[in-house]
Amino acid sequence: MTEEQGLVSEDAHTVEHEHHMQAADLHRLAAHHFAAAARHQLVAAEADEADDVQGAAYRAYLAYGHQIQAVSYAEEAALRDEEADEDDVETE
Protein backbone atom coordinates (compact mmCIF):
# COMPACT_ATOMS: atom_id res chain seq x y z
CA MET A 1 0.00 0.00 0.00
CA THR A 2 1.33 3.40 -0.92
CA GLU A 3 1.38 6.33 1.47
CA GLU A 4 -1.36 8.00 -0.58
CA GLN A 5 -3.61 4.92 -0.34
CA GLY A 6 -3.04 4.85 3.39
CA LEU A 7 -4.12 8.49 3.71
CA VAL A 8 -7.24 7.89 1.63
CA SER A 9 -8.08 4.85 3.72
CA GLU A 10 -7.55 6.80 6.94
CA ASP A 11 -9.72 9.67 5.67
CA ALA A 12 -12.48 7.24 4.70
CA HIS A 13 -12.34 5.67 8.15
CA THR A 14 -12.61 9.13 9.75
CA VAL A 15 -15.66 10.00 7.65
CA GLU A 16 -17.28 6.65 8.45
CA HIS A 17 -16.58 7.14 12.15
CA GLU A 18 -18.13 10.62 12.01
CA HIS A 19 -21.31 9.17 10.43
CA HIS A 20 -21.50 6.59 13.22
CA MET A 21 -20.98 9.25 15.91
CA GLN A 22 -23.76 11.37 14.40
CA ALA A 23 -26.01 8.32 14.27
CA ALA A 24 -25.25 7.53 17.92
CA ASP A 25 -26.25 11.05 18.97
CA LEU A 26 -29.46 10.78 16.97
CA HIS A 27 -30.27 7.39 18.55
CA ARG A 28 -29.84 9.01 21.99
CA LEU A 29 -32.17 11.85 21.03
CA ALA A 30 -34.73 9.36 19.76
CA ALA A 31 -34.49 7.39 23.01
CA HIS A 32 -34.95 10.57 25.05
CA HIS A 33 -38.14 11.45 23.16
CA PHE A 34 -39.50 7.88 23.31
CA ALA A 35 -38.94 7.93 27.09
CA ALA A 36 -40.65 11.32 27.41
CA ALA A 37 -43.58 10.01 25.35
CA ALA A 38 -43.88 7.01 27.66
CA ARG A 39 -43.84 9.23 30.76
CA HIS A 40 -46.60 11.43 29.32
CA GLN A 41 -48.65 8.37 28.39
CA LEU A 42 -48.43 7.11 31.98
CA VAL A 43 -49.59 10.47 33.30
CA ALA A 44 -52.40 10.45 30.72
CA ALA A 45 -53.46 7.03 32.00
CA GLU A 46 -53.53 8.34 35.59
CA ALA A 47 -55.62 11.31 34.43
CA ASP A 48 -58.04 8.96 32.70
CA GLU A 49 -58.38 6.92 35.89
CA ALA A 50 -59.18 10.15 37.76
CA ASP A 51 -61.77 11.10 35.10
CA ASP A 52 -59.65 14.14 34.16
CA VAL A 53 -60.55 14.34 30.48
CA GLN A 54 -58.63 17.55 29.78
CA GLY A 55 -55.53 16.39 31.64
CA ALA A 56 -55.56 13.07 29.81
CA ALA A 57 -55.98 14.76 26.43
CA TYR A 58 -53.20 17.25 27.15
CA ARG A 59 -50.73 14.57 28.25
CA ALA A 60 -51.65 12.36 25.30
CA TYR A 61 -51.01 15.33 23.00
CA LEU A 62 -47.59 15.90 24.58
CA ALA A 63 -46.81 12.19 24.26
CA TYR A 64 -47.75 12.26 20.59
CA GLY A 65 -45.42 15.21 19.95
CA HIS A 66 -42.52 13.40 21.60
CA GLN A 67 -43.32 10.26 19.61
CA ILE A 68 -43.17 12.22 16.35
CA GLN A 69 -39.81 13.70 17.35
CA ALA A 70 -38.49 10.28 18.39
CA VAL A 71 -39.44 8.66 15.10
CA SER A 72 -37.89 11.53 13.18
CA TYR A 73 -34.58 11.19 15.07
CA ALA A 74 -34.62 7.40 14.68
CA GLU A 75 -35.13 7.70 10.93
CA GLU A 76 -32.30 10.23 10.65
CA ALA A 77 -30.03 7.90 12.63
CA ALA A 78 -30.84 5.05 10.26
CA LEU A 79 -29.95 7.26 7.30
CA ARG A 80 -26.59 8.17 8.87
CA ASP A 81 -25.85 4.49 9.44
CA GLU A 82 -26.71 3.76 5.80
CA GLU A 83 -24.37 6.55 4.68
CA ALA A 84 -21.58 5.02 6.72
CA ASP A 85 -22.30 1.62 5.19
CA GLU A 86 -22.28 3.11 1.68
CA ASP A 87 -18.97 4.86 2.39
CA ASP A 88 -17.60 1.55 3.63
CA VAL A 89 -18.57 -0.22 0.38
CA GLU A 90 -17.10 2.58 -1.77
CA THR A 91 -13.69 2.37 -0.08
CA GLU A 92 -13.37 -1.39 -0.56
PDB file of N, CA and C in Angstrom:
ATOM      1  N   MET A   1       0.846  -1.161   0.000  1.00  0.00           N
ATOM      2  CA  MET A   1       0.000   0.000   0.000  1.00  0.00           C
ATOM      3  C   MET A   1       0.895   1.229   0.000  1.00  0.00           C
ATOM      4  N   THR A   2       0.551   2.175  -0.865  1.00  0.00           N
ATOM      5  CA  THR A   2       1.335   3.398  -0.917  1.00  0.00           C
ATOM      6  C   THR A   2       0.895   4.336   0.199  1.00  0.00           C
ATOM      7  N   GLU A   3       1.712   5.348   0.421  1.00  0.00           N
ATOM      8  CA  GLU A   3       1.380   6.328   1.468  1.00  0.00           C
ATOM      9  C   GLU A   3       0.070   7.034   1.133  1.00  0.00           C
ATOM     10  N   GLU A   4      -0.139   7.323  -0.156  1.00  0.00           N
ATOM     11  CA  GLU A   4      -1.365   8.003  -0.584  1.00  0.00           C
ATOM     12  C   GLU A   4      -2.588   7.124  -0.321  1.00  0.00           C
ATOM     13  N   GLN A   5      -2.492   5.831  -0.608  1.00  0.00           N
ATOM     14  CA  GLN A   5      -3.606   4.918  -0.344  1.00  0.00           C
ATOM     15  C   GLN A   5      -3.898   4.850   1.145  1.00  0.00           C
ATOM     16  N   GLY A   6      -2.851   4.873   1.948  1.00  0.00           N
ATOM     17  CA  GLY A   6      -3.037   4.846   3.395  1.00  0.00           C
ATOM     18  C   GLY A   6      -3.763   6.079   3.892  1.00  0.00           C
ATOM     19  N   LEU A   7      -3.449   7.262   3.317  1.00  0.00           N
ATOM     20  CA  LEU A   7      -4.121   8.495   3.710  1.00  0.00           C
ATOM     21  C   LEU A   7      -5.586   8.476   3.296  1.00  0.00           C
ATOM     22  N   VAL A   8      -5.859   7.986   2.099  1.00  0.00           N
ATOM     23  CA  VAL A   8      -7.241   7.891   1.631  1.00  0.00           C
ATOM     24  C   VAL A   8      -8.020   6.944   2.530  1.00  0.00           C
ATOM     25  N   SER A   9      -7.420   5.817   2.862  1.00  0.00           N
ATOM     26  CA  SER A   9      -8.079   4.849   3.722  1.00  0.00           C
ATOM     27  C   SER A   9      -8.351   5.438   5.101  1.00  0.00           C
ATOM     28  N   GLU A  10      -7.382   6.183   5.631  1.00  0.00           N
ATOM     29  CA  GLU A  10      -7.548   6.805   6.945  1.00  0.00           C
ATOM     30  C   GLU A  10      -8.643   7.864   6.894  1.00  0.00           C
ATOM     31  N   ASP A  11      -8.685   8.661   5.827  1.00  0.00           N
ATOM     32  CA  ASP A  11      -9.724   9.670   5.673  1.00  0.00           C
ATOM     33  C   ASP A  11     -11.104   9.024   5.574  1.00  0.00           C
ATOM     34  N   ALA A  12     -11.210   7.941   4.839  1.00  0.00           N
ATOM     35  CA  ALA A  12     -12.481   7.239   4.701  1.00  0.00           C
ATOM     36  C   ALA A  12     -12.936   6.697   6.046  1.00  0.00           C
ATOM     37  N   HIS A  13     -11.995   6.181   6.821  1.00  0.00           N
ATOM     38  CA  HIS A  13     -12.339   5.673   8.148  1.00  0.00           C
ATOM     39  C   HIS A  13     -12.833   6.805   9.043  1.00  0.00           C
ATOM     40  N   THR A  14     -12.204   7.975   8.951  1.00  0.00           N
ATOM     41  CA  THR A  14     -12.609   9.128   9.751  1.00  0.00           C
ATOM     42  C   THR A  14     -14.019   9.570   9.389  1.00  0.00           C
ATOM     43  N   VAL A  15     -14.324   9.617   8.107  1.00  0.00           N
ATOM     44  CA  VAL A  15     -15.662  10.003   7.648  1.00  0.00           C
ATOM     45  C   VAL A  15     -16.688   8.980   8.128  1.00  0.00           C
ATOM     46  N   GLU A  16     -16.370   7.710   7.999  1.00  0.00           N
ATOM     47  CA  GLU A  16     -17.279   6.654   8.447  1.00  0.00           C
ATOM     48  C   GLU A  16     -17.524   6.764   9.949  1.00  0.00           C
ATOM     49  N   HIS A  17     -16.450   7.004  10.703  1.00  0.00           N
ATOM     50  CA  HIS A  17     -16.578   7.142  12.152  1.00  0.00           C
ATOM     51  C   HIS A  17     -17.468   8.342  12.499  1.00  0.00           C
ATOM     52  N   GLU A  18     -17.316   9.428  11.770  1.00  0.00           N
ATOM     53  CA  GLU A  18     -18.131  10.619  12.015  1.00  0.00           C
ATOM     54  C   GLU A  18     -19.609  10.321  11.761  1.00  0.00           C
ATOM     55  N   HIS A  19     -19.918   9.569  10.703  1.00  0.00           N
ATOM     56  CA  HIS A  19     -21.307   9.173  10.427  1.00  0.00           C
ATOM     57  C   HIS A  19     -21.855   8.346  11.586  1.00  0.00           C
ATOM     58  N   HIS A  20     -21.049   7.427  12.107  1.00  0.00           N
ATOM     59  CA  HIS A  20     -21.504   6.593  13.223  1.00  0.00           C
ATOM     60  C   HIS A  20     -21.693   7.415  14.492  1.00  0.00           C
ATOM     61  N   MET A  21     -20.837   8.396  14.729  1.00  0.00           N
ATOM     62  CA  MET A  21     -20.984   9.253  15.910  1.00  0.00           C
ATOM     63  C   MET A  21     -22.253  10.104  15.798  1.00  0.00           C
ATOM     64  N   GLN A  22     -22.527  10.608  14.607  1.00  0.00           N
ATOM     65  CA  GLN A  22     -23.761  11.372  14.400  1.00  0.00           C
ATOM     66  C   GLN A  22     -24.973  10.478  14.611  1.00  0.00           C
ATOM     67  N   ALA A  23     -24.906   9.257  14.096  1.00  0.00           N
ATOM     68  CA  ALA A  23     -26.010   8.316  14.271  1.00  0.00           C
ATOM     69  C   ALA A  23     -26.216   8.003  15.752  1.00  0.00           C
ATOM     70  N   ALA A  24     -25.138   7.821  16.493  1.00  0.00           N
ATOM     71  CA  ALA A  24     -25.253   7.525  17.919  1.00  0.00           C
ATOM     72  C   ALA A  24     -25.953   8.665  18.653  1.00  0.00           C
ATOM     73  N   ASP A  25     -25.592   9.901  18.339  1.00  0.00           N
ATOM     74  CA  ASP A  25     -26.249  11.051  18.967  1.00  0.00           C
ATOM     75  C   ASP A  25     -27.739  11.085  18.632  1.00  0.00           C
ATOM     76  N   LEU A  26     -28.058  10.790  17.385  1.00  0.00           N
ATOM     77  CA  LEU A  26     -29.463  10.781  16.969  1.00  0.00           C
ATOM     78  C   LEU A  26     -30.238   9.653  17.643  1.00  0.00           C
ATOM     79  N   HIS A  27     -29.614   8.492  17.824  1.00  0.00           N
ATOM     80  CA  HIS A  27     -30.266   7.393  18.554  1.00  0.00           C
ATOM     81  C   HIS A  27     -30.567   7.819  19.988  1.00  0.00           C
ATOM     82  N   ARG A  28     -29.623   8.531  20.618  1.00  0.00           N
ATOM     83  CA  ARG A  28     -29.844   9.007  21.988  1.00  0.00           C
ATOM     84  C   ARG A  28     -31.000  10.002  22.052  1.00  0.00           C
ATOM     85  N   LEU A  29     -31.063  10.902  21.080  1.00  0.00           N
ATOM     86  CA  LEU A  29     -32.166  11.852  21.035  1.00  0.00           C
ATOM     87  C   LEU A  29     -33.497  11.132  20.840  1.00  0.00           C
ATOM     88  N   ALA A  30     -33.504  10.143  19.975  1.00  0.00           N
ATOM     89  CA  ALA A  30     -34.726   9.356  19.758  1.00  0.00           C
ATOM     90  C   ALA A  30     -35.143   8.666  21.059  1.00  0.00           C
ATOM     91  N   ALA A  31     -34.194   8.072  21.749  1.00  0.00           N
ATOM     92  CA  ALA A  31     -34.494   7.386  23.009  1.00  0.00           C
ATOM     93  C   ALA A  31     -35.048   8.360  24.044  1.00  0.00           C
ATOM     94  N   HIS A  32     -34.463   9.553  24.110  1.00  0.00           N
ATOM     95  CA  HIS A  32     -34.949  10.574  25.048  1.00  0.00           C
ATOM     96  C   HIS A  32     -36.423  10.889  24.778  1.00  0.00           C
ATOM     97  N   HIS A  33     -36.766  11.089  23.508  1.00  0.00           N
ATOM     98  CA  HIS A  33     -38.143  11.446  23.161  1.00  0.00           C
ATOM     99  C   HIS A  33     -39.100  10.262  23.327  1.00  0.00           C
ATOM    100  N   PHE A  34     -38.649   9.050  23.040  1.00  0.00           N
ATOM    101  CA  PHE A  34     -39.500   7.885  23.315  1.00  0.00           C
ATOM    102  C   PHE A  34     -39.783   7.765  24.812  1.00  0.00           C
ATOM    103  N   ALA A  35     -38.764   8.005  25.642  1.00  0.00           N
ATOM    104  CA  ALA A  35     -38.943   7.929  27.093  1.00  0.00           C
ATOM    105  C   ALA A  35     -39.898   9.024  27.575  1.00  0.00           C
ATOM    106  N   ALA A  36     -39.742  10.227  27.029  1.00  0.00           N
ATOM    107  CA  ALA A  36     -40.650  11.319  27.406  1.00  0.00           C
ATOM    108  C   ALA A  36     -42.079  10.992  26.993  1.00  0.00           C
ATOM    109  N   ALA A  37     -42.240  10.405  25.807  1.00  0.00           N
ATOM    110  CA  ALA A  37     -43.578  10.013  25.350  1.00  0.00           C
ATOM    111  C   ALA A  37     -44.176   8.980  26.299  1.00  0.00           C
ATOM    112  N   ALA A  38     -43.380   8.037  26.736  1.00  0.00           N
ATOM    113  CA  ALA A  38     -43.880   7.007  27.662  1.00  0.00           C
ATOM    114  C   ALA A  38     -44.290   7.634  28.989  1.00  0.00           C
ATOM    115  N   ARG A  39     -43.487   8.557  29.496  1.00  0.00           N
ATOM    116  CA  ARG A  39     -43.840   9.231  30.763  1.00  0.00           C
ATOM    117  C   ARG A  39     -45.170   9.970  30.627  1.00  0.00           C
ATOM    118  N   HIS A  40     -45.345  10.696  29.528  1.00  0.00           N
ATOM    119  CA  HIS A  40     -46.598  11.434  29.320  1.00  0.00           C
ATOM    120  C   HIS A  40     -47.784  10.478  29.166  1.00  0.00           C
ATOM    121  N   GLN A  41     -47.565   9.352  28.524  1.00  0.00           N
ATOM    122  CA  GLN A  41     -48.649   8.372  28.394  1.00  0.00           C
ATOM    123  C   GLN A  41     -49.078   7.838  29.766  1.00  0.00           C
ATOM    124  N   LEU A  42     -48.104   7.593  30.632  1.00  0.00           N
ATOM    125  CA  LEU A  42     -48.428   7.111  31.977  1.00  0.00           C
ATOM    126  C   LEU A  42     -49.221   8.157  32.759  1.00  0.00           C
ATOM    127  N   VAL A  43     -48.849   9.402  32.624  1.00  0.00           N
ATOM    128  CA  VAL A  43     -49.592  10.471  33.301  1.00  0.00           C
ATOM    129  C   VAL A  43     -50.989  10.603  32.686  1.00  0.00           C
ATOM    130  N   ALA A  44     -51.091  10.428  31.377  1.00  0.00           N
ATOM    131  CA  ALA A  44     -52.404  10.452  30.722  1.00  0.00           C
ATOM    132  C   ALA A  44     -53.287   9.321  31.250  1.00  0.00           C
ATOM    133  N   ALA A  45     -52.696   8.163  31.461  1.00  0.00           N
ATOM    134  CA  ALA A  45     -53.462   7.030  32.005  1.00  0.00           C
ATOM    135  C   ALA A  45     -53.967   7.348  33.411  1.00  0.00           C
ATOM    136  N   GLU A  46     -53.103   7.952  34.233  1.00  0.00           N
ATOM    137  CA  GLU A  46     -53.529   8.344  35.586  1.00  0.00           C
ATOM    138  C   GLU A  46     -54.661   9.372  35.531  1.00  0.00           C
ATOM    139  N   ALA A  47     -54.567  10.314  34.591  1.00  0.00           N
ATOM    140  CA  ALA A  47     -55.621  11.315  34.435  1.00  0.00           C
ATOM    141  C   ALA A  47     -56.926  10.658  34.003  1.00  0.00           C
ATOM    142  N   ASP A  48     -56.840   9.686  33.113  1.00  0.00           N
ATOM    143  CA  ASP A  48     -58.040   8.958  32.703  1.00  0.00           C
ATOM    144  C   ASP A  48     -58.678   8.245  33.890  1.00  0.00           C
ATOM    145  N   GLU A  49     -57.859   7.625  34.714  1.00  0.00           N
ATOM    146  CA  GLU A  49     -58.378   6.923  35.894  1.00  0.00           C
ATOM    147  C   GLU A  49     -59.065   7.881  36.861  1.00  0.00           C
ATOM    148  N   ALA A  50     -58.600   9.133  36.877  1.00  0.00           N
ATOM    149  CA  ALA A  50     -59.180  10.149  37.758  1.00  0.00           C
ATOM    150  C   ALA A  50     -60.309  10.921  37.063  1.00  0.00           C
ATOM    151  N   ASP A  51     -60.730  10.449  35.897  1.00  0.00           N
ATOM    152  CA  ASP A  51     -61.771  11.101  35.100  1.00  0.00           C
ATOM    153  C   ASP A  51     -61.418  12.537  34.716  1.00  0.00           C
ATOM    154  N   ASP A  52     -60.131  12.818  34.581  1.00  0.00           N
ATOM    155  CA  ASP A  52     -59.649  14.140  34.164  1.00  0.00           C
ATOM    156  C   ASP A  52     -59.470  14.117  32.650  1.00  0.00           C
ATOM    157  N   VAL A  53     -60.539  14.434  31.944  1.00  0.00           N
ATOM    158  CA  VAL A  53     -60.545  14.343  30.484  1.00  0.00           C
ATOM    159  C   VAL A  53     -59.555  15.319  29.865  1.00  0.00           C
ATOM    160  N   GLN A  54     -59.544  16.556  30.339  1.00  0.00           N
ATOM    161  CA  GLN A  54     -58.633  17.554  29.775  1.00  0.00           C
ATOM    162  C   GLN A  54     -57.177  17.203  30.061  1.00  0.00           C
ATOM    163  N   GLY A  55     -56.893  16.767  31.285  1.00  0.00           N
ATOM    164  CA  GLY A  55     -55.530  16.388  31.637  1.00  0.00           C
ATOM    165  C   GLY A  55     -55.037  15.212  30.802  1.00  0.00           C
ATOM    166  N   ALA A  56     -55.920  14.237  30.607  1.00  0.00           N
ATOM    167  CA  ALA A  56     -55.555  13.066  29.805  1.00  0.00           C
ATOM    168  C   ALA A  56     -55.287  13.468  28.359  1.00  0.00           C
ATOM    169  N   ALA A  57     -56.147  14.321  27.822  1.00  0.00           N
ATOM    170  CA  ALA A  57     -55.980  14.755  26.430  1.00  0.00           C
ATOM    171  C   ALA A  57     -54.694  15.561  26.268  1.00  0.00           C
ATOM    172  N   TYR A  58     -54.404  16.424  27.219  1.00  0.00           N
ATOM    173  CA  TYR A  58     -53.196  17.246  27.152  1.00  0.00           C
ATOM    174  C   TYR A  58     -51.946  16.378  27.191  1.00  0.00           C
ATOM    175  N   ARG A  59     -51.904  15.440  28.134  1.00  0.00           N
ATOM    176  CA  ARG A  59     -50.726  14.570  28.249  1.00  0.00           C
ATOM    177  C   ARG A  59     -50.597  13.653  27.040  1.00  0.00           C
ATOM    178  N   ALA A  60     -51.700  13.193  26.509  1.00  0.00           N
ATOM    179  CA  ALA A  60     -51.653  12.362  25.297  1.00  0.00           C
ATOM    180  C   ALA A  60     -51.107  13.171  24.124  1.00  0.00           C
ATOM    181  N   TYR A  61     -51.502  14.442  24.057  1.00  0.00           N
ATOM    182  CA  TYR A  61     -51.007  15.329  23.004  1.00  0.00           C
ATOM    183  C   TYR A  61     -49.495  15.525  23.136  1.00  0.00           C
ATOM    184  N   LEU A  62     -49.029  15.766  24.363  1.00  0.00           N
ATOM    185  CA  LEU A  62     -47.594  15.903  24.581  1.00  0.00           C
ATOM    186  C   LEU A  62     -46.857  14.615  24.208  1.00  0.00           C
ATOM    187  N   ALA A  63     -47.430  13.480  24.583  1.00  0.00           N
ATOM    188  CA  ALA A  63     -46.814  12.192  24.258  1.00  0.00           C
ATOM    189  C   ALA A  63     -46.705  12.019  22.750  1.00  0.00           C
ATOM    190  N   TYR A  64     -47.761  12.390  22.048  1.00  0.00           N
ATOM    191  CA  TYR A  64     -47.755  12.261  20.588  1.00  0.00           C
ATOM    192  C   TYR A  64     -46.647  13.124  19.970  1.00  0.00           C
ATOM    193  N   GLY A  65     -46.486  14.339  20.457  1.00  0.00           N
ATOM    194  CA  GLY A  65     -45.424  15.208  19.948  1.00  0.00           C
ATOM    195  C   GLY A  65     -44.044  14.607  20.155  1.00  0.00           C
ATOM    196  N   HIS A  66     -43.812  14.039  21.332  1.00  0.00           N
ATOM    197  CA  HIS A  66     -42.523  13.398  21.597  1.00  0.00           C
ATOM    198  C   HIS A  66     -42.331  12.165  20.706  1.00  0.00           C
ATOM    199  N   GLN A  67     -43.412  11.443  20.480  1.00  0.00           N
ATOM    200  CA  GLN A  67     -43.318  10.262  19.612  1.00  0.00           C
ATOM    201  C   GLN A  67     -42.913  10.671  18.198  1.00  0.00           C
ATOM    202  N   ILE A  68     -43.506  11.737  17.692  1.00  0.00           N
ATOM    203  CA  ILE A  68     -43.173  12.217  16.346  1.00  0.00           C
ATOM    204  C   ILE A  68     -41.690  12.598  16.285  1.00  0.00           C
ATOM    205  N   GLN A  69     -41.223  13.326  17.297  1.00  0.00           N
ATOM    206  CA  GLN A  69     -39.813  13.699  17.352  1.00  0.00           C
ATOM    207  C   GLN A  69     -38.919  12.469  17.409  1.00  0.00           C
ATOM    208  N   ALA A  70     -39.295  11.498  18.225  1.00  0.00           N
ATOM    209  CA  ALA A  70     -38.495  10.284  18.393  1.00  0.00           C
ATOM    210  C   ALA A  70     -38.368   9.533  17.072  1.00  0.00           C
ATOM    211  N   VAL A  71     -39.466   9.378  16.375  1.00  0.00           N
ATOM    212  CA  VAL A  71     -39.441   8.658  15.098  1.00  0.00           C
ATOM    213  C   VAL A  71     -38.577   9.413  14.090  1.00  0.00           C
ATOM    214  N   SER A  72     -38.691  10.722  14.090  1.00  0.00           N
ATOM    215  CA  SER A  72     -37.886  11.527  13.177  1.00  0.00           C
ATOM    216  C   SER A  72     -36.389  11.338  13.449  1.00  0.00           C
ATOM    217  N   TYR A  73     -35.990  11.401  14.724  1.00  0.00           N
ATOM    218  CA  TYR A  73     -34.577  11.193  15.065  1.00  0.00           C
ATOM    219  C   TYR A  73     -34.129   9.767  14.735  1.00  0.00           C
ATOM    220  N   ALA A  74     -34.984   8.790  14.979  1.00  0.00           N
ATOM    221  CA  ALA A  74     -34.623   7.402  14.684  1.00  0.00           C
ATOM    222  C   ALA A  74     -34.422   7.189  13.182  1.00  0.00           C
ATOM    223  N   GLU A  75     -35.277   7.805  12.381  1.00  0.00           N
ATOM    224  CA  GLU A  75     -35.127   7.696  10.929  1.00  0.00           C
ATOM    225  C   GLU A  75     -33.836   8.359  10.453  1.00  0.00           C
ATOM    226  N   GLU A  76     -33.537   9.528  11.020  1.00  0.00           N
ATOM    227  CA  GLU A  76     -32.303  10.227  10.645  1.00  0.00           C
ATOM    228  C   GLU A  76     -31.079   9.399  11.044  1.00  0.00           C
ATOM    229  N   ALA A  77     -31.139   8.753  12.200  1.00  0.00           N
ATOM    230  CA  ALA A  77     -30.031   7.899  12.633  1.00  0.00           C
ATOM    231  C   ALA A  77     -29.836   6.742  11.658  1.00  0.00           C
ATOM    232  N   ALA A  78     -30.931   6.153  11.219  1.00  0.00           N
ATOM    233  CA  ALA A  78     -30.840   5.049  10.263  1.00  0.00           C
ATOM    234  C   ALA A  78     -30.201   5.512   8.957  1.00  0.00           C
ATOM    235  N   LEU A  79     -30.551   6.720   8.522  1.00  0.00           N
ATOM    236  CA  LEU A  79     -29.947   7.260   7.297  1.00  0.00           C
ATOM    237  C   LEU A  79     -28.451   7.474   7.461  1.00  0.00           C
ATOM    238  N   ARG A  80     -28.033   7.979   8.620  1.00  0.00           N
ATOM    239  CA  ARG A  80     -26.595   8.170   8.874  1.00  0.00           C
ATOM    240  C   ARG A  80     -25.860   6.838   8.853  1.00  0.00           C
ATOM    241  N   ASP A  81     -26.473   5.816   9.451  1.00  0.00           N
ATOM    242  CA  ASP A  81     -25.852   4.491   9.438  1.00  0.00           C
ATOM    243  C   ASP A  81     -25.736   3.959   8.012  1.00  0.00           C
ATOM    244  N   GLU A  82     -26.767   4.190   7.199  1.00  0.00           N
ATOM    245  CA  GLU A  82     -26.713   3.760   5.798  1.00  0.00           C
ATOM    246  C   GLU A  82     -25.596   4.488   5.053  1.00  0.00           C
ATOM    247  N   GLU A  83     -25.443   5.793   5.313  1.00  0.00           N
ATOM    248  CA  GLU A  83     -24.372   6.553   4.675  1.00  0.00           C
ATOM    249  C   GLU A  83     -23.009   5.970   5.032  1.00  0.00           C
ATOM    250  N   ALA A  84     -22.847   5.608   6.290  1.00  0.00           N
ATOM    251  CA  ALA A  84     -21.585   5.023   6.719  1.00  0.00           C
ATOM    252  C   ALA A  84     -21.348   3.688   6.014  1.00  0.00           C
ATOM    253  N   ASP A  85     -22.413   2.898   5.873  1.00  0.00           N
ATOM    254  CA  ASP A  85     -22.295   1.617   5.191  1.00  0.00           C
ATOM    255  C   ASP A  85     -21.949   1.813   3.707  1.00  0.00           C
ATOM    256  N   GLU A  86     -22.564   2.821   3.079  1.00  0.00           N
ATOM    257  CA  GLU A  86     -22.280   3.110   1.675  1.00  0.00           C
ATOM    258  C   GLU A  86     -20.830   3.572   1.508  1.00  0.00           C
ATOM    259  N   ASP A  87     -20.367   4.414   2.443  1.00  0.00           N
ATOM    260  CA  ASP A  87     -18.971   4.861   2.392  1.00  0.00           C
ATOM    261  C   ASP A  87     -18.039   3.679   2.544  1.00  0.00           C
ATOM    262  N   ASP A  88     -18.409   2.733   3.389  1.00  0.00           N
ATOM    263  CA  ASP A  88     -17.599   1.547   3.631  1.00  0.00           C
ATOM    264  C   ASP A  88     -17.477   0.717   2.352  1.00  0.00           C
ATOM    265  N   VAL A  89     -18.565   0.558   1.625  1.00  0.00           N
ATOM    266  CA  VAL A  89     -18.573  -0.221   0.381  1.00  0.00           C
ATOM    267  C   VAL A  89     -17.732   0.482  -0.685  1.00  0.00           C
ATOM    268  N   GLU A  90     -17.831   1.813  -0.743  1.00  0.00           N
ATOM    269  CA  GLU A  90     -17.097   2.581  -1.769  1.00  0.00           C
ATOM    270  C   GLU A  90     -15.600   2.503  -1.569  1.00  0.00           C
ATOM    271  N   THR A  91     -15.119   2.383  -0.331  1.00  0.00           N
ATOM    272  CA  THR A  91     -13.688   2.372  -0.078  1.00  0.00           C
ATOM    273  C   THR A  91     -13.067   0.977  -0.256  1.00  0.00           C
ATOM    274  N   GLU A  92     -13.905  -0.031  -0.403  1.00  0.00           N
ATOM    275  CA  GLU A  92     -13.369  -1.388  -0.555  1.00  0.00           C
ATOM    276  C   GLU A  92     -12.967  -1.672  -1.976  1.00  0.00           C
TER     277      GLU A  92
END
